[in-house]
Amino acid sequence: MSAVPAAPRPASADQEPGTSGSAGTASFQESLLLTPPRPRRGWRMVAGRLAAMCLVELQKLRHDRTELYTRAVQPVLWLLVFGETFTRIRAIPTGDVPYVDYLAPGIIAQSAMFIAIFYGIMIIWERDSGVLTKLLVTPTPRSALVAGKAFAAGVKALIQAVVVVLVAAVLGVSFSWNPLHLAGVAVAVMLGSAFFACLSVSIAGIVLTRDRLMGIGQAITMPLFFASNALYPVSLMPGWLQAISKGNPLSYEVDALRGLLLGTPAHLALDFSVLACAALVGIGTASALMGRLAR
């Protein structure tokens, strides 16, 4: 007479792993695949996609760092040639501050602006290659797309600023190395670069071609630079140029950088308020005009 098989015992808490516990884990993993995660809402979605767009832009630096090296040449020449020469001849009165010290924050702001002002060319290239159309049909808000690219330009400008600061330190410029001051410098550079990058994207949304954008960018960069306090005090300018300088965001960026790096009198609250408002207005304007690029 054959033996009757014993009934299976229920799984206990101390059962060895790999039996019924593995089946429960598998069913739990299967439920995760079948049930989508809870979508992000509100500011979390915007912040997450903004960070993702910024990281995508910065990944391009890993494949080609030539742009950073070539763009570092011009500010170094400004410090070595222009700064050292005008320090010797003392043609521009800067008080007790040597002219090369006075010039260094202006060159930091200038190099950041030169990186950001041609950022619209990249947007037009993405339009021509079809990348921009794919980005615009995603749920990502246009403001997050623009802000991600704008602050990616700010990070590139921040890398450039580090190069200028190191070169200036080698030339004997006495900077403040207070961590809070350096953090303020980083914020000022990021905000200023974000504004000029959004200005470039806005122009791209109007002119729609790379050649026109290149011409307009070259036409406005030097007037923006010379109509600021980057090279000389505002008090030396004629009245009409002083009025233009007061409406130029680059002047507020330079003023903040001088106050933080050199300890000269500055209006930091006003400077950062103007830079933040300019960046927000730039993001809004560029977001509104980006749709024209995809038509």
C-alpha atoms as a PDB file:
ATOM      1  CA  MET A   1       0.000   0.000   0.000  1.00  0.00           C
ATOM      2  CA  SER A   2       1.548   3.311  -1.102  1.00  0.00           C
ATOM      3  CA  ALA A   3       2.177   6.071   1.401  1.00  0.00           C
ATOM      4  CA  VAL A   4      -0.051   9.135   1.266  1.00  0.00           C
ATOM      5  CA  PRO A   5       2.033  12.281   0.621  1.00  0.00           C
ATOM      6  CA  ALA A   6       2.092  14.726   3.467  1.00  0.00           C
ATOM      7  CA  ALA A   7       0.251  18.017   3.066  1.00  0.00           C
ATOM      8  CA  PRO A   8       2.488  21.000   2.465  1.00  0.00           C
ATOM      9  CA  ARG A   9       3.238  23.015   5.566  1.00  0.00           C
ATOM     10  CA  PRO A  10       2.510  26.739   5.543  1.00  0.00           C
ATOM     11  CA  ALA A  11       5.516  28.949   5.160  1.00  0.00           C
ATOM     12  CA  SER A  12       6.825  30.179   8.473  1.00  0.00           C
ATOM     13  CA  ALA A  13       8.605  33.375   9.313  1.00  0.00           C
ATOM     14  CA  ASP A  14      11.923  31.551   9.804  1.00  0.00           C
ATOM     15  CA  GLN A  15      11.702  29.739   6.468  1.00  0.00           C
ATOM     16  CA  GLU A  16      14.880  29.699   4.427  1.00  0.00           C
ATOM     17  CA  PRO A  17      15.068  32.384   1.735  1.00  0.00           C
ATOM     18  CA  GLY A  18      14.605  31.352  -1.861  1.00  0.00           C
ATOM     19  CA  THR A  19      11.321  29.452  -1.447  1.00  0.00           C
ATOM     20  CA  SER A  20       7.942  31.117  -1.164  1.00  0.00           C
ATOM     21  CA  GLY A  21       9.606  34.413  -0.073  1.00  0.00           C
ATOM     22  CA  SER A  22      11.207  34.756  -3.512  1.00  0.00           C
ATOM     23  CA  ALA A  23       7.797  34.294  -5.150  1.00  0.00           C
ATOM     24  CA  GLY A  24       6.418  37.115  -3.003  1.00  0.00           C
ATOM     25  CA  THR A  25       9.340  39.350  -3.971  1.00  0.00           C
ATOM     26  CA  ALA A  26       8.784  38.564  -7.634  1.00  0.00           C
ATOM     27  CA  SER A  27       5.097  39.411  -7.393  1.00  0.00           C
ATOM     28  CA  PHE A  28       5.968  42.671  -5.612  1.00  0.00           C
ATOM     29  CA  GLN A  29       8.440  43.615  -8.364  1.00  0.00           C
ATOM     30  CA  GLU A  30       5.860  42.722 -10.984  1.00  0.00           C
ATOM     31  CA  SER A  31       3.358  45.021  -9.315  1.00  0.00           C
ATOM     32  CA  LEU A  32       5.900  47.845  -9.468  1.00  0.00           C
ATOM     33  CA  LEU A  33       6.213  47.310 -13.212  1.00  0.00           C
ATOM     34  CA  LEU A  34       2.466  47.264 -13.727  1.00  0.00           C
ATOM     35  CA  THR A  35       1.750  50.244 -11.470  1.00  0.00           C
ATOM     36  CA  PRO A  36       3.418  53.509 -12.587  1.00  0.00           C
ATOM     37  CA  PRO A  37       5.048  55.636  -9.883  1.00  0.00           C
ATOM     38  CA  ARG A  38       3.190  58.638  -8.619  1.00  0.00           C
ATOM     39  CA  PRO A  39       3.972  61.579 -10.924  1.00  0.00           C
ATOM     40  CA  ARG A  40       5.665  64.661  -9.559  1.00  0.00           C
ATOM     41  CA  ARG A  41       3.549  67.741  -9.230  1.00  0.00           C
ATOM     42  CA  GLY A  42       4.140  71.460  -9.092  1.00  0.00           C
ATOM     43  CA  TRP A  43       7.547  72.789  -8.246  1.00  0.00           C
ATOM     44  CA  ARG A  44       9.049  69.306  -7.845  1.00  0.00           C
ATOM     45  CA  MET A  45       8.378  68.503 -11.499  1.00  0.00           C
ATOM     46  CA  VAL A  46       9.788  71.821 -12.684  1.00  0.00           C
ATOM     47  CA  ALA A  47      12.850  71.586 -10.445  1.00  0.00           C
ATOM     48  CA  GLY A  48      13.563  67.982 -11.452  1.00  0.00           C
ATOM     49  CA  ARG A  49      13.298  68.655 -15.168  1.00  0.00           C
ATOM     50  CA  LEU A  50      15.270  71.867 -14.853  1.00  0.00           C
ATOM     51  CA  ALA A  51      18.092  69.934 -13.213  1.00  0.00           C
ATOM     52  CA  ALA A  52      17.862  67.224 -15.878  1.00  0.00           C
ATOM     53  CA  MET A  53      18.135  69.761 -18.709  1.00  0.00           C
ATOM     54  CA  CYS A  54      21.065  71.428 -16.988  1.00  0.00           C
ATOM     55  CA  LEU A  55      22.889  68.097 -16.612  1.00  0.00           C
ATOM     56  CA  VAL A  56      22.266  67.231 -20.265  1.00  0.00           C
ATOM     57  CA  GLU A  57      23.875  70.495 -21.321  1.00  0.00           C
ATOM     58  CA  LEU A  58      26.867  69.979 -19.051  1.00  0.00           C
ATOM     59  CA  GLN A  59      27.430  66.448 -20.331  1.00  0.00           C
ATOM     60  CA  LYS A  60      28.511  68.008 -23.612  1.00  0.00           C
ATOM     61  CA  LEU A  61      31.621  69.369 -21.889  1.00  0.00           C
ATOM     62  CA  ARG A  62      32.848  65.817 -21.280  1.00  0.00           C
ATOM     63  CA  HIS A  63      33.071  65.205 -25.014  1.00  0.00           C
ATOM     64  CA  ASP A  64      34.565  68.543 -26.066  1.00  0.00           C
ATOM     65  CA  ARG A  65      36.427  70.837 -23.657  1.00  0.00           C
ATOM     66  CA  THR A  66      37.977  72.901 -26.444  1.00  0.00           C
ATOM     67  CA  GLU A  67      35.467  75.709 -25.962  1.00  0.00           C
ATOM     68  CA  LEU A  68      36.556  76.268 -22.366  1.00  0.00           C
ATOM     69  CA  TYR A  69      40.238  76.427 -23.328  1.00  0.00           C
ATOM     70  CA  THR A  70      39.795  78.759 -26.286  1.00  0.00           C
ATOM     71  CA  ARG A  71      37.462  81.131 -24.455  1.00  0.00           C
ATOM     72  CA  ALA A  72      39.970  81.441 -21.608  1.00  0.00           C
ATOM     73  CA  VAL A  73      42.507  83.083 -23.921  1.00  0.00           C
ATOM     74  CA  GLN A  74      40.687  86.406 -24.328  1.00  0.00           C
ATOM     75  CA  PRO A  75      40.183  87.263 -20.628  1.00  0.00           C
ATOM     76  CA  VAL A  76      43.786  86.304 -19.895  1.00  0.00           C
ATOM     77  CA  LEU A  77      44.953  88.707 -22.605  1.00  0.00           C
ATOM     78  CA  TRP A  78      42.769  91.477 -21.166  1.00  0.00           C
ATOM     79  CA  LEU A  79      44.400  91.048 -17.778  1.00  0.00           C
ATOM     80  CA  LEU A  80      47.953  90.637 -19.045  1.00  0.00           C
ATOM     81  CA  VAL A  81      47.983  93.336 -21.726  1.00  0.00           C
ATOM     82  CA  PHE A  82      45.260  95.847 -20.937  1.00  0.00           C
ATOM     83  CA  GLY A  83      45.355  95.530 -17.159  1.00  0.00           C
ATOM     84  CA  GLU A  84      49.129  95.600 -16.702  1.00  0.00           C
ATOM     85  CA  THR A  85      49.599  98.453 -19.211  1.00  0.00           C
ATOM     86  CA  PHE A  86      46.945 100.736 -17.725  1.00  0.00           C
ATOM     87  CA  THR A  87      48.214  99.974 -14.239  1.00  0.00           C
ATOM     88  CA  ARG A  88      51.611 101.401 -15.235  1.00  0.00           C
ATOM     89  CA  ILE A  89      50.377 104.522 -16.981  1.00  0.00           C
ATOM     90  CA  ARG A  90      47.621 105.200 -14.405  1.00  0.00           C
ATOM     91  CA  ALA A  91      45.325 106.629 -17.046  1.00  0.00           C
ATOM     92  CA  ILE A  92      42.101 105.611 -15.283  1.00  0.00           C
ATOM     93  CA  PRO A  93      41.670 106.821 -11.683  1.00  0.00           C
ATOM     94  CA  THR A  94      40.548 103.969  -9.422  1.00  0.00           C
ATOM     95  CA  GLY A  95      41.522 105.369  -6.030  1.00  0.00           C
ATOM     96  CA  ASP A  96      43.655 103.143  -3.825  1.00  0.00           C
ATOM     97  CA  VAL A  97      42.836 100.032  -5.875  1.00  0.00           C
ATOM     98  CA  PRO A  98      45.413  99.105  -8.563  1.00  0.00           C
ATOM     99  CA  TYR A  99      43.868  99.096 -11.997  1.00  0.00           C
ATOM    100  CA  VAL A 100      44.513  95.406 -12.650  1.00  0.00           C
ATOM    101  CA  ASP A 101      42.642  94.640  -9.414  1.00  0.00           C
ATOM    102  CA  TYR A 102      39.826  96.950 -10.487  1.00  0.00           C
ATOM    103  CA  LEU A 103      39.699  95.320 -13.926  1.00  0.00           C
ATOM    104  CA  ALA A 104      39.656  91.657 -12.830  1.00  0.00           C
ATOM    105  CA  PRO A 105      35.973  91.508 -11.701  1.00  0.00           C
ATOM    106  CA  GLY A 106      34.958  93.260 -14.917  1.00  0.00           C
ATOM    107  CA  ILE A 107      36.797  90.656 -16.988  1.00  0.00           C
ATOM    108  CA  ILE A 108      35.077  87.860 -15.031  1.00  0.00           C
ATOM    109  CA  ALA A 109      31.699  89.363 -15.924  1.00  0.00           C
ATOM    110  CA  GLN A 110      32.779  89.969 -19.514  1.00  0.00           C
ATOM    111  CA  SER A 111      33.922  86.385 -20.084  1.00  0.00           C
ATOM    112  CA  ALA A 112      30.667  85.077 -18.587  1.00  0.00           C
ATOM    113  CA  MET A 113      28.642  87.322 -20.886  1.00  0.00           C
ATOM    114  CA  PHE A 114      30.613  86.264 -23.976  1.00  0.00           C
ATOM    115  CA  ILE A 115      29.870  82.604 -23.227  1.00  0.00           C
ATOM    116  CA  ALA A 116      26.154  83.170 -22.688  1.00  0.00           C
ATOM    117  CA  ILE A 117      25.367  85.710 -25.402  1.00  0.00           C
ATOM    118  CA  PHE A 118      25.819  83.166 -28.207  1.00  0.00           C
ATOM    119  CA  TYR A 119      23.841  80.411 -26.487  1.00  0.00           C
ATOM    120  CA  GLY A 120      20.955  80.911 -28.888  1.00  0.00           C
ATOM    121  CA  ILE A 121      23.065  79.420 -31.677  1.00  0.00           C
ATOM    122  CA  MET A 122      22.843  76.084 -29.891  1.00  0.00           C
ATOM    123  CA  ILE A 123      19.046  76.397 -29.752  1.00  0.00           C
ATOM    124  CA  ILE A 124      18.882  77.012 -33.506  1.00  0.00           C
ATOM    125  CA  TRP A 125      21.164  74.028 -34.099  1.00  0.00           C
ATOM    126  CA  GLU A 126      18.847  71.862 -31.994  1.00  0.00           C
ATOM    127  CA  ARG A 127      15.903  73.169 -34.046  1.00  0.00           C
ATOM    128  CA  ASP A 128      17.632  72.240 -37.307  1.00  0.00           C
ATOM    129  CA  SER A 129      18.543  68.763 -36.044  1.00  0.00           C
ATOM    130  CA  GLY A 130      15.022  68.050 -34.727  1.00  0.00           C
ATOM    131  CA  VAL A 131      16.024  67.864 -31.073  1.00  0.00           C
ATOM    132  CA  LEU A 132      14.104  70.975 -30.072  1.00  0.00           C
ATOM    133  CA  THR A 133      10.833  69.671 -31.519  1.00  0.00           C
ATOM    134  CA  LYS A 134      11.158  66.489 -29.478  1.00  0.00           C
ATOM    135  CA  LEU A 135      11.822  68.499 -26.329  1.00  0.00           C
ATOM    136  CA  LEU A 136       8.829  70.768 -26.868  1.00  0.00           C
ATOM    137  CA  VAL A 137       6.355  67.876 -27.193  1.00  0.00           C
ATOM    138  CA  THR A 138       7.368  66.464 -23.802  1.00  0.00           C
ATOM    139  CA  PRO A 139       5.441  67.460 -20.647  1.00  0.00           C
ATOM    140  CA  THR A 140       8.420  69.557 -19.569  1.00  0.00           C
ATOM    141  CA  PRO A 141       7.396  73.223 -19.275  1.00  0.00           C
ATOM    142  CA  ARG A 142       9.167  75.556 -21.654  1.00  0.00           C
ATOM    143  CA  SER A 143      10.307  77.640 -18.731  1.00  0.00           C
ATOM    144  CA  ALA A 144      12.134  74.592 -17.346  1.00  0.00           C
ATOM    145  CA  LEU A 145      13.780  73.982 -20.726  1.00  0.00           C
ATOM    146  CA  VAL A 146      14.958  77.567 -20.977  1.00  0.00           C
ATOM    147  CA  ALA A 147      16.030  77.791 -17.325  1.00  0.00           C
ATOM    148  CA  GLY A 148      17.979  74.527 -17.594  1.00  0.00           C
ATOM    149  CA  LYS A 149      19.926  75.773 -20.590  1.00  0.00           C
ATOM    150  CA  ALA A 150      20.395  79.219 -19.036  1.00  0.00           C
ATOM    151  CA  PHE A 151      21.874  77.900 -15.804  1.00  0.00           C
ATOM    152  CA  ALA A 152      24.007  75.410 -17.739  1.00  0.00           C
ATOM    153  CA  ALA A 153      25.501  78.472 -19.409  1.00  0.00           C
ATOM    154  CA  GLY A 154      26.007  79.855 -15.909  1.00  0.00           C
ATOM    155  CA  VAL A 155      27.974  76.792 -14.844  1.00  0.00           C
ATOM    156  CA  LYS A 156      30.174  77.088 -17.945  1.00  0.00           C
ATOM    157  CA  ALA A 157      30.738  80.750 -17.116  1.00  0.00           C
ATOM    158  CA  LEU A 158      31.574  79.791 -13.533  1.00  0.00           C
ATOM    159  CA  ILE A 159      34.323  77.475 -14.773  1.00  0.00           C
ATOM    160  CA  GLN A 160      35.627  80.367 -16.867  1.00  0.00           C
ATOM    161  CA  ALA A 161      35.503  82.644 -13.831  1.00  0.00           C
ATOM    162  CA  VAL A 162      37.682  80.228 -11.860  1.00  0.00           C
ATOM    163  CA  VAL A 163      40.319  80.451 -14.603  1.00  0.00           C
ATOM    164  CA  VAL A 164      40.251  84.261 -14.542  1.00  0.00           C
ATOM    165  CA  VAL A 165      40.485  84.354 -10.746  1.00  0.00           C
ATOM    166  CA  LEU A 166      43.497  82.041 -10.759  1.00  0.00           C
ATOM    167  CA  VAL A 167      45.281  84.071 -13.444  1.00  0.00           C
ATOM    168  CA  ALA A 168      44.538  87.301 -11.580  1.00  0.00           C
ATOM    169  CA  ALA A 169      45.879  85.782  -8.357  1.00  0.00           C
ATOM    170  CA  VAL A 170      49.110  84.884 -10.167  1.00  0.00           C
ATOM    171  CA  LEU A 171      49.379  88.520 -11.324  1.00  0.00           C
ATOM    172  CA  GLY A 172      49.173  89.636  -7.692  1.00  0.00           C
ATOM    173  CA  VAL A 173      45.534  90.702  -7.484  1.00  0.00           C
ATOM    174  CA  SER A 174      44.448  90.631  -3.841  1.00  0.00           C
ATOM    175  CA  PHE A 175      41.063  88.931  -3.703  1.00  0.00           C
ATOM    176  CA  SER A 176      38.949  88.094  -0.699  1.00  0.00           C
ATOM    177  CA  TRP A 177      38.913  84.310  -0.177  1.00  0.00           C
ATOM    178  CA  ASN A 178      36.038  84.356   2.286  1.00  0.00           C
ATOM    179  CA  PRO A 179      33.834  81.328   1.428  1.00  0.00           C
ATOM    180  CA  LEU A 180      30.665  83.404   1.757  1.00  0.00           C
ATOM    181  CA  HIS A 181      32.065  86.004  -0.631  1.00  0.00           C
ATOM    182  CA  LEU A 182      33.060  83.319  -3.130  1.00  0.00           C
ATOM    183  CA  ALA A 183      29.580  81.817  -2.910  1.00  0.00           C
ATOM    184  CA  GLY A 184      28.137  85.253  -3.648  1.00  0.00           C
ATOM    185  CA  VAL A 185      30.468  85.548  -6.651  1.00  0.00           C
ATOM    186  CA  ALA A 186      29.170  82.214  -7.960  1.00  0.00           C
ATOM    187  CA  VAL A 187      25.550  83.346  -7.582  1.00  0.00           C
ATOM    188  CA  ALA A 188      26.232  86.660  -9.339  1.00  0.00           C
ATOM    189  CA  VAL A 189      27.970  84.934 -12.249  1.00  0.00           C
ATOM    190  CA  MET A 190      25.171  82.367 -12.573  1.00  0.00           C
ATOM    191  CA  LEU A 191      22.419  84.997 -12.561  1.00  0.00           C
ATOM    192  CA  GLY A 192      24.211  87.279 -15.003  1.00  0.00           C
ATOM    193  CA  SER A 193      24.950  84.411 -17.382  1.00  0.00           C
ATOM    194  CA  ALA A 194      21.356  83.191 -17.149  1.00  0.00           C
ATOM    195  CA  PHE A 195      20.083  86.602 -18.233  1.00  0.00           C
ATOM    196  CA  PHE A 196      22.416  86.905 -21.209  1.00  0.00           C
ATOM    197  CA  ALA A 197      21.729  83.309 -22.274  1.00  0.00           C
ATOM    198  CA  CYS A 198      17.978  84.038 -22.201  1.00  0.00           C
ATOM    199  CA  LEU A 199      18.614  87.245 -24.152  1.00  0.00           C
ATOM    200  CA  SER A 200      20.376  85.172 -26.792  1.00  0.00           C
ATOM    201  CA  VAL A 201      17.541  82.617 -26.908  1.00  0.00           C
ATOM    202  CA  SER A 202      15.008  85.451 -27.220  1.00  0.00           C
ATOM    203  CA  ILE A 203      16.920  86.924 -30.156  1.00  0.00           C
ATOM    204  CA  ALA A 204      17.082  83.460 -31.711  1.00  0.00           C
ATOM    205  CA  GLY A 205      13.298  83.215 -31.420  1.00  0.00           C
ATOM    206  CA  ILE A 206      13.009  86.477 -33.375  1.00  0.00           C
ATOM    207  CA  VAL A 207      15.652  86.149 -36.107  1.00  0.00           C
ATOM    208  CA  LEU A 208      15.358  82.317 -36.470  1.00  0.00           C
ATOM    209  CA  THR A 209      18.723  81.857 -38.236  1.00  0.00           C
ATOM    210  CA  ARG A 210      22.266  81.344 -36.992  1.00  0.00           C
ATOM    211  CA  ASP A 211      23.827  83.927 -39.306  1.00  0.00           C
ATOM    212  CA  ARG A 212      21.521  86.709 -38.135  1.00  0.00           C
ATOM    213  CA  LEU A 213      21.995  85.746 -34.501  1.00  0.00           C
ATOM    214  CA  MET A 214      25.772  85.731 -34.889  1.00  0.00           C
ATOM    215  CA  GLY A 215      25.695  89.205 -36.417  1.00  0.00           C
ATOM    216  CA  ILE A 216      23.417  90.637 -33.727  1.00  0.00           C
ATOM    217  CA  GLY A 217      25.424  88.958 -30.973  1.00  0.00           C
ATOM    218  CA  GLN A 218      28.654  90.476 -32.221  1.00  0.00           C
ATOM    219  CA  ALA A 219      26.950  93.860 -32.576  1.00  0.00           C
ATOM    220  CA  ILE A 220      25.680  94.042 -28.973  1.00  0.00           C
ATOM    221  CA  THR A 221      28.435  92.378 -26.940  1.00  0.00           C
ATOM    222  CA  MET A 222      31.004  95.171 -27.082  1.00  0.00           C
ATOM    223  CA  PRO A 223      28.439  97.984 -26.526  1.00  0.00           C
ATOM    224  CA  LEU A 224      27.140  96.094 -23.477  1.00  0.00           C
ATOM    225  CA  PHE A 225      30.723  95.715 -22.249  1.00  0.00           C
ATOM    226  CA  PHE A 226      31.807  99.324 -22.818  1.00  0.00           C
ATOM    227  CA  ALA A 227      28.493 100.724 -21.533  1.00  0.00           C
ATOM    228  CA  SER A 228      29.144  99.179 -18.122  1.00  0.00           C
ATOM    229  CA  ASN A 229      31.512  99.818 -15.251  1.00  0.00           C
ATOM    230  CA  ALA A 230      33.761  96.888 -16.209  1.00  0.00           C
ATOM    231  CA  LEU A 231      36.647  99.048 -17.509  1.00  0.00           C
ATOM    232  CA  TYR A 232      36.208 102.387 -15.770  1.00  0.00           C
ATOM    233  CA  PRO A 233      34.109 104.024 -13.042  1.00  0.00           C
ATOM    234  CA  VAL A 234      30.655 105.247 -13.983  1.00  0.00           C
ATOM    235  CA  SER A 235      31.577 108.748 -12.786  1.00  0.00           C
ATOM    236  CA  LEU A 236      33.980 109.120 -15.732  1.00  0.00           C
ATOM    237  CA  MET A 237      31.241 108.509 -18.305  1.00  0.00           C
ATOM    238  CA  PRO A 238      29.217 111.232 -20.020  1.00  0.00           C
ATOM    239  CA  GLY A 239      25.691 111.678 -18.743  1.00  0.00           C
ATOM    240  CA  TRP A 240      23.963 109.772 -21.551  1.00  0.00           C
ATOM    241  CA  LEU A 241      26.307 106.791 -21.089  1.00  0.00           C
ATOM    242  CA  GLN A 242      25.730 106.801 -17.332  1.00  0.00           C
ATOM    243  CA  ALA A 243      21.993 106.460 -17.987  1.00  0.00           C
ATOM    244  CA  ILE A 244      22.633 103.468 -20.266  1.00  0.00           C
ATOM    245  CA  SER A 245      24.979 101.939 -17.704  1.00  0.00           C
ATOM    246  CA  LYS A 246      22.300 102.098 -15.013  1.00  0.00           C
ATOM    247  CA  GLY A 247      20.005  99.987 -17.217  1.00  0.00           C
ATOM    248  CA  ASN A 248      22.725  97.482 -18.104  1.00  0.00           C
ATOM    249  CA  PRO A 249      22.585  94.281 -15.974  1.00  0.00           C
ATOM    250  CA  LEU A 250      26.311  93.793 -16.572  1.00  0.00           C
ATOM    251  CA  SER A 251      27.018  96.901 -14.456  1.00  0.00           C
ATOM    252  CA  TYR A 252      25.212  95.381 -11.478  1.00  0.00           C
ATOM    253  CA  GLU A 253      27.044  92.089 -11.902  1.00  0.00           C
ATOM    254  CA  VAL A 254      30.417  93.876 -11.968  1.00  0.00           C
ATOM    255  CA  ASP A 255      29.484  95.994  -8.946  1.00  0.00           C
ATOM    256  CA  ALA A 256      28.578  92.869  -6.972  1.00  0.00           C
ATOM    257  CA  LEU A 257      31.789  91.092  -7.997  1.00  0.00           C
ATOM    258  CA  ARG A 258      33.954  94.066  -6.990  1.00  0.00           C
ATOM    259  CA  GLY A 259      32.257  94.376  -3.645  1.00  0.00           C
ATOM    260  CA  LEU A 260      32.653  90.661  -2.888  1.00  0.00           C
ATOM    261  CA  LEU A 261      36.157  90.095  -4.266  1.00  0.00           C
ATOM    262  CA  LEU A 262      37.852  93.431  -3.537  1.00  0.00           C
ATOM    263  CA  GLY A 263      35.812  94.779  -0.636  1.00  0.00           C
ATOM    264  CA  THR A 264      35.061  98.056  -2.439  1.00  0.00           C
ATOM    265  CA  PRO A 265      31.795  99.894  -1.662  1.00  0.00           C
ATOM    266  CA  ALA A 266      28.929  98.131  -3.431  1.00  0.00           C
ATOM    267  CA  HIS A 267      25.136  97.922  -3.355  1.00  0.00           C
ATOM    268  CA  LEU A 268      24.839  94.160  -3.004  1.00  0.00           C
ATOM    269  CA  ALA A 269      21.125  94.050  -2.191  1.00  0.00           C
ATOM    270  CA  LEU A 270      20.303  96.156  -5.245  1.00  0.00           C
ATOM    271  CA  ASP A 271      22.773  94.262  -7.437  1.00  0.00           C
ATOM    272  CA  PHE A 272      21.393  90.814  -6.656  1.00  0.00           C
ATOM    273  CA  SER A 273      17.787  92.041  -6.868  1.00  0.00           C
ATOM    274  CA  VAL A 274      18.356  93.451 -10.350  1.00  0.00           C
ATOM    275  CA  LEU A 275      20.193  90.305 -11.507  1.00  0.00           C
ATOM    276  CA  ALA A 276      17.477  88.002 -10.170  1.00  0.00           C
ATOM    277  CA  CYS A 277      14.683  90.055 -11.755  1.00  0.00           C
ATOM    278  CA  ALA A 278      16.575  90.237 -15.054  1.00  0.00           C
ATOM    279  CA  ALA A 279      17.048  86.455 -15.076  1.00  0.00           C
ATOM    280  CA  LEU A 280      13.346  85.827 -14.368  1.00  0.00           C
ATOM    281  CA  VAL A 281      12.237  88.270 -17.062  1.00  0.00           C
ATOM    282  CA  GLY A 282      14.718  86.695 -19.476  1.00  0.00           C
ATOM    283  CA  ILE A 283      13.402  83.184 -18.776  1.00  0.00           C
ATOM    284  CA  GLY A 284       9.818  84.312 -19.296  1.00  0.00           C
ATOM    285  CA  THR A 285      10.594  86.134 -22.546  1.00  0.00           C
ATOM    286  CA  ALA A 286      12.694  83.311 -23.967  1.00  0.00           C
ATOM    287  CA  SER A 287      10.003  80.753 -23.036  1.00  0.00           C
ATOM    288  CA  ALA A 288       7.378  82.777 -24.885  1.00  0.00           C
ATOM    289  CA  LEU A 289       9.521  83.082 -28.014  1.00  0.00           C
ATOM    290  CA  MET A 290      10.857  79.524 -28.112  1.00  0.00           C
ATOM    291  CA  GLY A 291       7.698  78.237 -29.799  1.00  0.00           C
ATOM    292  CA  ARG A 292       8.542  80.291 -32.916  1.00  0.00           C
ATOM    293  CA  LEU A 293      11.677  78.213 -33.402  1.00  0.00           C
ATOM    294  CA  ALA A 294       9.685  74.977 -33.703  1.00  0.00           C
ATOM    295  CA  ARG A 295       7.280  76.189 -36.405  1.00  0.00           C
END
